[in-house]
Structures are given as C-alpha cells and as structure tokens.
Amino acid sequence: MLEQNEPPADDRPVWSSWREAPAVVLHPAHLRKTIGVALFVGTILFTINQLDVVVAGGASPRLLVKVGLTYLVPFCVSNYGLLVGRRARR
C-alpha cells in the first residue's frame, strides 16, 4: 500500500547509466527511505559500538568521525540496494 504523499511506483525514476543514478538516489521518496534506514540502523550500530565510550565521557574528534561513518555506511548500503532495484532493464 502506498503512503499518501508517495507517487505510484511507476513514477519513480530508473537508471541505465551512471549519469542518471543521482536522480534515483535524490528522488524525495527514495531519500526519505534511505535516510530512515541510515538513522535506524546507524543508531543500533552506534548503541552497540560507541555509546559506552560517549557515556564514559570519552568523546573525541576520532570518535565523531566513527559515529559519522556509523550512519554513513547504512545510508550507502541502502542506496546501493535502491540502485540495484531501480536499474532499467535493457
């Protein structure tokens, strides 16, 4: 079932060359989902891997980079899956 603000699946962009890939990744419906995945999975990973360090007061610039990567990796993986699924068939 579609959410109220989402267009039908047929209206979402597909890609066949890398020049078209940004339009797929930056499509508002896709971006909402990939950011949601990154926040959900990233928060779980942050809690498992770095929360104890932050709570103990060990925050450092290095830790901030690791936290950023903790959220960036699931965002990239989600976008990779999106691109695999939205590739135009030849």
Protein backbone atom coordinates (compact mmCIF):
# COMPACT_ATOMS: atom_id res chain seq x y z
CA MET A 1 0.00 0.00 0.00
CA LEU A 2 1.34 3.48 -0.87
CA GLU A 3 1.77 6.26 1.64
CA GLN A 4 -0.39 9.32 0.99
CA ASN A 5 2.37 11.57 -0.33
CA GLU A 6 4.17 8.97 -2.43
CA PRO A 7 3.63 8.76 -6.16
CA PRO A 8 2.86 5.37 -7.71
CA ALA A 9 5.92 3.14 -8.08
CA ASP A 10 5.81 3.62 -11.87
CA ASP A 11 6.55 7.34 -11.50
CA ARG A 12 9.80 6.77 -9.63
CA PRO A 13 12.94 7.17 -11.73
CA VAL A 14 15.04 4.30 -13.03
CA TRP A 15 18.56 4.47 -14.38
CA SER A 16 20.62 2.83 -17.09
CA SER A 17 23.78 4.98 -16.98
CA TRP A 18 25.67 6.39 -14.02
CA ARG A 19 24.69 9.92 -15.07
CA GLU A 20 21.07 9.00 -14.27
CA ALA A 21 21.83 7.43 -10.87
CA PRO A 22 21.72 10.70 -8.86
CA ALA A 23 18.12 11.31 -9.97
CA VAL A 24 17.17 7.93 -8.50
CA VAL A 25 19.07 8.42 -5.23
CA LEU A 26 17.86 12.01 -4.75
CA HIS A 27 14.20 11.29 -5.55
CA PRO A 28 12.31 12.52 -2.44
CA ALA A 29 10.56 9.21 -1.73
CA HIS A 30 13.81 7.28 -2.08
CA LEU A 31 15.76 9.78 0.00
CA ARG A 32 13.22 9.57 2.84
CA LYS A 33 13.58 5.80 2.92
CA THR A 34 17.39 5.68 2.71
CA ILE A 35 17.77 8.34 5.40
CA GLY A 36 15.28 6.44 7.56
CA VAL A 37 17.28 3.24 7.13
CA ALA A 38 20.52 5.06 7.96
CA LEU A 39 19.06 6.58 11.12
CA PHE A 40 17.52 3.31 12.30
CA VAL A 41 20.47 1.01 11.55
CA GLY A 42 23.07 3.66 12.41
CA THR A 43 21.51 4.22 15.83
CA ILE A 44 21.57 0.50 16.56
CA LEU A 45 25.22 0.28 15.49
CA PHE A 46 26.11 3.41 17.47
CA THR A 47 24.47 1.97 20.56
CA ILE A 48 26.35 -1.32 20.19
CA ASN A 49 29.75 0.14 19.29
CA GLN A 50 30.18 3.64 20.74
CA LEU A 51 27.52 4.51 23.30
CA ASP A 52 29.61 3.23 26.21
CA VAL A 53 32.52 5.49 25.20
CA VAL A 54 30.25 8.54 24.91
CA VAL A 55 28.57 7.83 28.26
CA ALA A 56 32.01 7.45 29.89
CA GLY A 57 32.95 10.91 28.60
CA GLY A 58 35.43 9.67 26.00
CA ALA A 59 34.12 11.73 23.10
CA SER A 60 36.93 12.85 20.78
CA PRO A 61 37.27 14.04 17.19
CA ARG A 62 38.21 10.49 16.20
CA LEU A 63 35.04 9.16 17.82
CA LEU A 64 32.94 11.75 15.99
CA VAL A 65 34.35 10.51 12.69
CA LYS A 66 33.50 6.94 13.68
CA VAL A 67 29.96 7.98 14.61
CA GLY A 68 29.56 9.72 11.25
CA LEU A 69 30.72 6.58 9.45
CA THR A 70 28.35 4.52 11.58
CA TYR A 71 25.46 6.39 9.94
CA LEU A 72 27.05 6.81 6.50
CA VAL A 73 27.63 3.09 5.88
CA PRO A 74 23.95 2.02 6.15
CA PHE A 75 22.99 5.06 4.04
CA CYS A 76 25.37 3.93 1.30
CA VAL A 77 24.27 0.29 1.53
CA SER A 78 20.62 1.34 1.33
CA ASN A 79 21.35 3.46 -1.75
CA TYR A 80 23.24 0.59 -3.35
CA GLY A 81 20.21 -1.65 -2.87
CA LEU A 82 17.99 1.07 -4.28
CA LEU A 83 20.16 1.41 -7.38
CA VAL A 84 20.23 -2.35 -7.90
CA GLY A 85 16.45 -2.45 -7.67
CA ARG A 86 15.79 0.60 -9.87
CA ARG A 87 18.16 -0.29 -12.73
CA ALA A 88 16.39 -0.12 -16.09
CA ARG A 89 16.17 -3.42 -17.90
CA ARG A 90 17.62 -3.41 -21.39
